[in-house]
């Protein structure tokens, strides 16, 4: 997991993304976190990028939200 400065991007590797419904669920879960500006998910690789304000949210918040939705984060 690579953590970025405020207004930049954190990249995570998410396992268990199998369909567009998974992408929609993860996008919604992550965008519901305060400070998240945008989410980009590649369902083929599981690479998930979150643009956010690091002063409001960080990688641990993303990990918790993703795991609570039933997915694994490497």
N, C-alpha and C. Protein backbone atom coordinates (compact mmCIF):
# COMPACT_ATOMS: atom_id res chain seq x y z
N UNK A 1 0.86 -1.16 0.00
CA UNK A 1 0.00 0.00 0.00
C UNK A 1 0.90 1.22 0.00
N UNK A 2 0.68 2.12 -0.94
CA UNK A 2 1.44 3.36 -1.05
C UNK A 2 0.56 4.51 -0.58
N UNK A 3 1.05 5.28 0.37
CA UNK A 3 0.25 6.39 0.91
C UNK A 3 0.76 7.71 0.36
N UNK A 4 -0.17 8.58 0.00
CA UNK A 4 0.17 9.84 -0.63
C UNK A 4 -0.09 11.02 0.30
N UNK A 5 0.38 12.18 -0.10
CA UNK A 5 0.14 13.42 0.62
C UNK A 5 -1.29 13.90 0.32
N UNK A 6 -1.78 14.92 1.06
CA UNK A 6 -3.14 15.42 0.82
C UNK A 6 -3.37 15.80 -0.64
N UNK A 7 -4.54 15.40 -1.15
CA UNK A 7 -4.90 15.74 -2.51
C UNK A 7 -4.24 14.87 -3.56
N UNK A 8 -3.54 13.84 -3.16
CA UNK A 8 -2.92 12.95 -4.12
C UNK A 8 -3.52 11.55 -3.99
N UNK A 9 -2.76 10.51 -4.32
CA UNK A 9 -3.36 9.19 -4.50
C UNK A 9 -2.72 8.13 -3.61
N UNK A 10 -3.57 7.28 -3.03
CA UNK A 10 -3.13 6.06 -2.35
C UNK A 10 -3.54 4.89 -3.22
N UNK A 11 -2.60 3.97 -3.45
CA UNK A 11 -2.87 2.79 -4.27
C UNK A 11 -2.91 1.55 -3.39
N UNK A 12 -3.95 0.74 -3.58
CA UNK A 12 -4.11 -0.49 -2.83
C UNK A 12 -4.34 -1.65 -3.80
N UNK A 13 -3.98 -2.83 -3.37
CA UNK A 13 -4.25 -4.04 -4.15
C UNK A 13 -5.39 -4.77 -3.45
N UNK A 14 -6.54 -4.90 -4.12
CA UNK A 14 -7.73 -5.49 -3.53
C UNK A 14 -8.03 -6.82 -4.21
N UNK A 15 -8.21 -7.87 -3.40
CA UNK A 15 -8.55 -9.19 -3.92
C UNK A 15 -10.05 -9.44 -3.79
N UNK A 16 -10.60 -10.20 -4.73
CA UNK A 16 -12.01 -10.58 -4.66
C UNK A 16 -12.93 -9.78 -5.54
N UNK A 17 -12.37 -8.90 -6.37
CA UNK A 17 -13.19 -8.13 -7.30
C UNK A 17 -13.48 -9.02 -8.51
N UNK A 18 -14.74 -9.40 -8.68
CA UNK A 18 -15.09 -10.35 -9.73
C UNK A 18 -16.05 -9.81 -10.78
N UNK A 19 -16.65 -8.64 -10.52
CA UNK A 19 -17.65 -8.14 -11.46
C UNK A 19 -17.83 -6.63 -11.30
N UNK A 20 -18.66 -6.06 -12.16
CA UNK A 20 -18.91 -4.62 -12.09
C UNK A 20 -19.66 -4.25 -10.81
N UNK A 21 -20.41 -5.19 -10.26
CA UNK A 21 -21.09 -4.94 -8.99
C UNK A 21 -20.09 -4.74 -7.86
N UNK A 22 -19.00 -5.52 -7.90
CA UNK A 22 -17.93 -5.36 -6.91
C UNK A 22 -17.30 -3.97 -7.02
N UNK A 23 -17.05 -3.55 -8.25
CA UNK A 23 -16.46 -2.23 -8.48
C UNK A 23 -17.40 -1.15 -7.94
N UNK A 24 -18.69 -1.27 -8.22
CA UNK A 24 -19.66 -0.29 -7.72
C UNK A 24 -19.70 -0.25 -6.21
N UNK A 25 -19.71 -1.42 -5.58
CA UNK A 25 -19.74 -1.49 -4.13
C UNK A 25 -18.52 -0.84 -3.51
N UNK A 26 -17.34 -1.21 -4.01
CA UNK A 26 -16.10 -0.64 -3.47
C UNK A 26 -16.01 0.86 -3.71
N UNK A 27 -16.42 1.30 -4.87
CA UNK A 27 -16.41 2.73 -5.17
C UNK A 27 -17.29 3.48 -4.18
N UNK A 28 -18.49 2.97 -3.95
CA UNK A 28 -19.44 3.62 -3.03
C UNK A 28 -18.88 3.64 -1.61
N UNK A 29 -18.37 2.49 -1.15
CA UNK A 29 -17.84 2.38 0.21
C UNK A 29 -16.69 3.37 0.42
N UNK A 30 -15.80 3.45 -0.54
CA UNK A 30 -14.66 4.36 -0.40
C UNK A 30 -15.07 5.82 -0.52
N UNK A 31 -15.96 6.14 -1.45
CA UNK A 31 -16.39 7.54 -1.62
C UNK A 31 -17.21 8.03 -0.43
N UNK A 32 -17.77 7.11 0.35
CA UNK A 32 -18.51 7.51 1.55
C UNK A 32 -17.60 8.00 2.67
N UNK A 33 -16.30 7.70 2.57
CA UNK A 33 -15.36 8.16 3.60
C UNK A 33 -15.09 9.65 3.43
N UNK A 34 -15.03 10.40 4.54
CA UNK A 34 -14.74 11.84 4.43
C UNK A 34 -13.35 12.07 3.86
N UNK A 35 -13.25 13.03 2.96
CA UNK A 35 -11.96 13.38 2.38
C UNK A 35 -11.63 12.65 1.09
N UNK A 36 -12.44 11.64 0.71
CA UNK A 36 -12.18 10.93 -0.55
C UNK A 36 -12.75 11.74 -1.70
N UNK A 37 -11.91 12.03 -2.67
CA UNK A 37 -12.30 12.85 -3.82
C UNK A 37 -12.67 12.00 -5.03
N UNK A 38 -11.95 10.90 -5.25
CA UNK A 38 -12.21 10.06 -6.42
C UNK A 38 -11.66 8.66 -6.17
N UNK A 39 -12.25 7.67 -6.85
CA UNK A 39 -11.82 6.28 -6.74
C UNK A 39 -11.73 5.70 -8.14
N UNK A 40 -10.64 4.98 -8.40
CA UNK A 40 -10.45 4.30 -9.68
C UNK A 40 -10.08 2.86 -9.39
N UNK A 41 -10.84 1.91 -9.96
CA UNK A 41 -10.61 0.48 -9.70
C UNK A 41 -10.46 -0.25 -11.02
N UNK A 42 -9.39 -1.03 -11.15
CA UNK A 42 -9.19 -1.91 -12.29
C UNK A 42 -9.63 -3.31 -11.86
N UNK A 43 -10.79 -3.77 -12.33
CA UNK A 43 -11.31 -5.07 -11.87
C UNK A 43 -10.44 -6.25 -12.28
N UNK A 44 -9.69 -6.13 -13.35
CA UNK A 44 -8.82 -7.22 -13.80
C UNK A 44 -7.68 -7.46 -12.83
N UNK A 45 -7.04 -6.39 -12.39
CA UNK A 45 -5.86 -6.52 -11.53
C UNK A 45 -6.17 -6.32 -10.05
N UNK A 46 -7.29 -5.66 -9.76
CA UNK A 46 -7.62 -5.33 -8.37
C UNK A 46 -6.96 -4.05 -7.89
N UNK A 47 -6.20 -3.41 -8.78
CA UNK A 47 -5.52 -2.17 -8.40
C UNK A 47 -6.58 -1.07 -8.16
N UNK A 48 -6.51 -0.51 -6.99
CA UNK A 48 -7.49 0.49 -6.57
C UNK A 48 -6.75 1.75 -6.17
N UNK A 49 -7.11 2.86 -6.79
CA UNK A 49 -6.48 4.14 -6.48
C UNK A 49 -7.53 5.07 -5.89
N UNK A 50 -7.14 5.71 -4.80
CA UNK A 50 -8.05 6.62 -4.10
C UNK A 50 -7.38 7.98 -4.00
N UNK A 51 -8.01 8.98 -4.61
CA UNK A 51 -7.53 10.37 -4.47
C UNK A 51 -8.26 10.97 -3.26
N UNK A 52 -7.48 11.55 -2.34
CA UNK A 52 -8.07 11.96 -1.08
C UNK A 52 -7.27 13.07 -0.41
N UNK A 53 -7.86 13.62 0.64
CA UNK A 53 -7.20 14.57 1.52
C UNK A 53 -6.65 13.77 2.70
N UNK A 54 -5.34 13.61 2.76
CA UNK A 54 -4.71 12.80 3.80
C UNK A 54 -4.91 13.39 5.20
N UNK A 55 -5.33 14.63 5.28
CA UNK A 55 -5.63 15.23 6.57
C UNK A 55 -6.93 14.72 7.16
N UNK A 56 -7.76 14.11 6.31
CA UNK A 56 -9.06 13.61 6.76
C UNK A 56 -9.15 12.09 6.79
N UNK A 57 -8.40 11.42 5.92
CA UNK A 57 -8.54 9.97 5.78
C UNK A 57 -7.20 9.40 5.34
N UNK A 58 -6.93 8.13 5.71
CA UNK A 58 -5.66 7.51 5.33
C UNK A 58 -5.85 6.04 4.96
N UNK A 59 -4.75 5.38 4.67
CA UNK A 59 -4.79 4.00 4.20
C UNK A 59 -5.47 3.03 5.15
N UNK A 60 -5.35 3.26 6.45
CA UNK A 60 -6.02 2.38 7.42
C UNK A 60 -7.53 2.49 7.30
N UNK A 61 -8.02 3.70 7.04
CA UNK A 61 -9.47 3.87 6.84
C UNK A 61 -9.92 3.10 5.60
N UNK A 62 -9.12 3.18 4.53
CA UNK A 62 -9.47 2.48 3.30
C UNK A 62 -9.49 0.97 3.53
N UNK A 63 -8.45 0.48 4.20
CA UNK A 63 -8.35 -0.96 4.48
C UNK A 63 -9.57 -1.44 5.27
N UNK A 64 -9.94 -0.71 6.32
CA UNK A 64 -11.09 -1.09 7.15
C UNK A 64 -12.38 -1.10 6.33
N UNK A 65 -12.59 -0.07 5.52
CA UNK A 65 -13.81 0.02 4.72
C UNK A 65 -13.89 -1.12 3.70
N UNK A 66 -12.76 -1.43 3.06
CA UNK A 66 -12.73 -2.49 2.05
C UNK A 66 -12.96 -3.85 2.70
N UNK A 67 -12.29 -4.10 3.83
CA UNK A 67 -12.46 -5.38 4.52
C UNK A 67 -13.87 -5.51 5.08
N UNK A 68 -14.46 -4.42 5.58
CA UNK A 68 -15.83 -4.46 6.07
C UNK A 68 -16.82 -4.80 4.95
N UNK A 69 -16.45 -4.44 3.70
CA UNK A 69 -17.31 -4.76 2.55
C UNK A 69 -17.09 -6.19 2.06
N UNK A 70 -16.15 -6.92 2.67
CA UNK A 70 -15.96 -8.32 2.32
C UNK A 70 -14.81 -8.64 1.37
N UNK A 71 -13.91 -7.69 1.19
CA UNK A 71 -12.79 -7.89 0.27
C UNK A 71 -11.49 -7.89 1.06
N UNK A 72 -10.44 -8.42 0.45
CA UNK A 72 -9.13 -8.47 1.09
C UNK A 72 -8.21 -7.44 0.47
N UNK A 73 -7.36 -6.85 1.29
CA UNK A 73 -6.38 -5.86 0.84
C UNK A 73 -5.00 -6.45 1.09
N UNK A 74 -4.18 -6.45 0.05
CA UNK A 74 -2.81 -6.95 0.21
C UNK A 74 -1.92 -5.89 0.80
